[in-house]
């Protein structure tokens, strides 16, 4: 079976037989790692498998941390539920430093009610964090993006 081979320094070695590539990896006291098996010929790299897996996990964790978390809040929320949601928002802001809050409207809510609710959220978050806030509103909901939140 023919494969494309890359050495441990990232240099392209060419298209080789898999058995000869295994021999080269064995001589270097490294592993033969399959990088991409969807292409023909498959791409393999010579390197340490444990280090390769560690770097993959590190990349996935970094991507996962960059995701924006979202919380949905109803405009007619009770005080107890509101405090629970705020605690969840605090915990997310501590971990990720940004969050998307979606305020769900029922029927046609008046603009001043929505603005009061947004100000309430702003004040509650401002007690514990410095942040920048952006929001936009449409017929069904209001979306608030809180970015760069840093604990005081």
Protein backbone atom coordinates (compact mmCIF):
# COMPACT_ATOMS: atom_id res chain seq x y z
CA UNK A 1 0.00 0.00 0.00
CA UNK A 2 1.39 3.40 -1.00
CA UNK A 3 1.38 6.31 1.46
CA UNK A 4 2.61 9.89 1.56
CA UNK A 5 5.18 10.29 4.33
CA UNK A 6 6.18 13.31 6.39
CA UNK A 7 9.12 13.09 8.78
CA UNK A 8 9.21 14.28 12.40
CA UNK A 9 10.50 17.73 11.37
CA UNK A 10 7.64 18.27 8.91
CA UNK A 11 9.65 17.58 5.74
CA UNK A 12 7.82 15.73 2.94
CA UNK A 13 9.65 12.46 2.16
CA UNK A 14 7.50 11.38 -0.78
CA UNK A 15 5.26 8.45 -1.69
CA UNK A 16 6.52 5.19 -0.19
CA UNK A 17 5.35 1.70 0.64
CA UNK A 18 3.84 1.44 4.11
CA UNK A 19 6.32 -1.26 5.16
CA UNK A 20 9.34 0.89 4.23
CA UNK A 21 7.77 3.85 6.06
CA UNK A 22 7.37 1.62 9.13
CA UNK A 23 11.06 0.71 8.88
CA UNK A 24 12.08 4.39 8.70
CA UNK A 25 9.96 5.18 11.75
CA UNK A 26 11.47 2.23 13.62
CA UNK A 27 15.02 3.42 12.81
CA UNK A 28 14.19 6.87 14.20
CA UNK A 29 12.62 5.20 17.28
CA UNK A 30 9.28 6.88 16.58
CA UNK A 31 5.76 5.88 15.61
CA UNK A 32 4.02 5.96 12.25
CA UNK A 33 0.94 8.19 12.71
CA UNK A 34 -1.97 8.31 10.25
CA UNK A 35 -2.77 12.00 9.67
CA UNK A 36 -5.40 11.67 6.95
CA UNK A 37 -6.85 8.39 5.72
CA UNK A 38 -9.55 9.95 3.53
CA UNK A 39 -7.12 10.88 0.75
CA UNK A 40 -5.47 8.45 -1.64
CA UNK A 41 -2.66 7.82 -0.92
CA UNK A 42 -3.07 8.19 2.84
CA UNK A 43 -0.90 10.73 4.66
CA UNK A 44 1.32 9.46 7.46
CA UNK A 45 3.76 11.24 9.73
CA UNK A 46 6.70 9.97 11.73
CA UNK A 47 6.54 11.13 15.36
CA UNK A 48 5.67 10.37 18.95
CA UNK A 49 2.05 9.16 19.13
CA UNK A 50 1.55 10.32 22.75
CA UNK A 51 2.72 13.84 21.90
CA UNK A 52 0.48 13.88 18.81
CA UNK A 53 -2.61 12.82 20.82
CA UNK A 54 -1.80 15.38 23.54
CA UNK A 55 -1.60 18.18 20.94
CA UNK A 56 -4.90 17.06 19.36
CA UNK A 57 -6.66 17.16 22.75
CA UNK A 58 -5.15 20.57 23.43
CA UNK A 59 -6.49 21.92 20.10
CA UNK A 60 -9.97 20.49 20.75
CA UNK A 61 -10.04 22.01 24.22
CA UNK A 62 -9.02 25.40 22.83
CA UNK A 63 -11.79 25.23 20.21
CA UNK A 64 -14.31 24.19 22.85
CA UNK A 65 -13.33 27.13 25.09
CA UNK A 66 -13.80 29.59 22.22
CA UNK A 67 -17.43 28.63 21.72
CA UNK A 68 -19.98 31.21 22.84
CA UNK A 69 -22.40 29.86 25.39
CA UNK A 70 -26.06 30.86 25.18
CA UNK A 71 -28.70 31.33 27.87
CA UNK A 72 -32.38 31.94 27.19
CA UNK A 73 -34.43 34.07 29.57
CA UNK A 74 -38.14 34.74 29.36
CA UNK A 75 -39.16 38.37 29.78
CA UNK A 76 -41.78 37.42 32.40
CA UNK A 77 -39.34 35.50 34.61
CA UNK A 78 -39.86 35.23 38.39
CA UNK A 79 -37.26 36.65 40.81
CA UNK A 80 -36.07 33.25 42.01
CA UNK A 81 -35.63 31.94 38.47
CA UNK A 82 -33.88 35.18 37.53
CA UNK A 83 -31.36 34.77 40.36
CA UNK A 84 -30.68 31.16 39.29
CA UNK A 85 -30.11 32.29 35.69
CA UNK A 86 -27.76 35.06 36.89
CA UNK A 87 -25.71 32.54 38.88
CA UNK A 88 -25.41 30.42 35.74
CA UNK A 89 -24.37 33.51 33.75
CA UNK A 90 -21.68 34.31 36.35
CA UNK A 91 -20.28 30.79 36.21
CA UNK A 92 -20.14 30.89 32.39
CA UNK A 93 -18.47 34.31 32.39
CA UNK A 94 -15.81 33.08 34.80
CA UNK A 95 -14.98 30.15 32.49
CA UNK A 96 -15.43 31.63 29.02
CA UNK A 97 -15.46 35.48 29.37
CA UNK A 98 -18.28 35.83 26.81
CA UNK A 99 -21.92 34.84 26.68
CA UNK A 100 -25.00 35.29 24.53
CA UNK A 101 -28.22 36.03 26.42
CA UNK A 102 -31.46 35.65 24.48
CA UNK A 103 -34.48 37.38 26.00
CA UNK A 104 -37.65 35.73 24.72
CA UNK A 105 -40.61 38.03 24.19
CA UNK A 106 -44.24 37.09 24.49
CA UNK A 107 -46.58 38.78 22.05
CA UNK A 108 -45.61 42.41 21.50
CA UNK A 109 -43.65 43.58 24.49
CA UNK A 110 -43.21 47.30 24.96
CA UNK A 111 -39.75 48.68 24.33
CA UNK A 112 -39.45 50.32 27.76
CA UNK A 113 -40.11 46.96 29.51
CA UNK A 114 -37.36 45.33 27.48
CA UNK A 115 -34.96 48.22 28.14
CA UNK A 116 -35.66 48.02 31.89
CA UNK A 117 -34.96 44.28 31.84
CA UNK A 118 -31.70 44.78 29.91
CA UNK A 119 -30.63 47.49 32.38
CA UNK A 120 -31.40 45.13 35.26
CA UNK A 121 -29.15 42.48 33.70
CA UNK A 122 -26.43 45.09 33.08
CA UNK A 123 -26.50 46.28 36.68
CA UNK A 124 -26.40 42.75 38.08
CA UNK A 125 -23.44 41.73 35.94
CA UNK A 126 -21.63 45.04 36.51
CA UNK A 127 -21.44 44.27 40.24
CA UNK A 128 -18.99 41.43 39.57
CA UNK A 129 -17.50 41.98 36.09
CA UNK A 130 -16.11 44.63 33.76
CA UNK A 131 -17.47 43.94 30.27
CA UNK A 132 -18.63 45.26 26.92
CA UNK A 133 -22.25 44.71 25.89
CA UNK A 134 -23.98 44.68 22.51
CA UNK A 135 -27.61 43.95 21.88
CA UNK A 136 -30.09 43.87 19.05
CA UNK A 137 -33.81 43.36 19.14
CA UNK A 138 -36.32 41.90 16.72
CA UNK A 139 -40.00 40.85 16.91
CA UNK A 140 -39.47 37.49 18.64
CA UNK A 141 -36.48 38.11 20.89
CA UNK A 142 -33.68 40.37 22.03
CA UNK A 143 -30.09 39.12 21.84
CA UNK A 144 -27.45 40.45 24.24
CA UNK A 145 -23.78 39.63 23.65
CA UNK A 146 -21.47 40.17 26.61
CA UNK A 147 -17.79 40.06 25.66
CA UNK A 148 -14.43 40.45 27.38
CA UNK A 149 -15.87 40.00 30.85
CA UNK A 150 -13.17 40.23 33.53
CA UNK A 151 -13.88 39.64 37.19
CA UNK A 152 -13.44 42.69 39.42
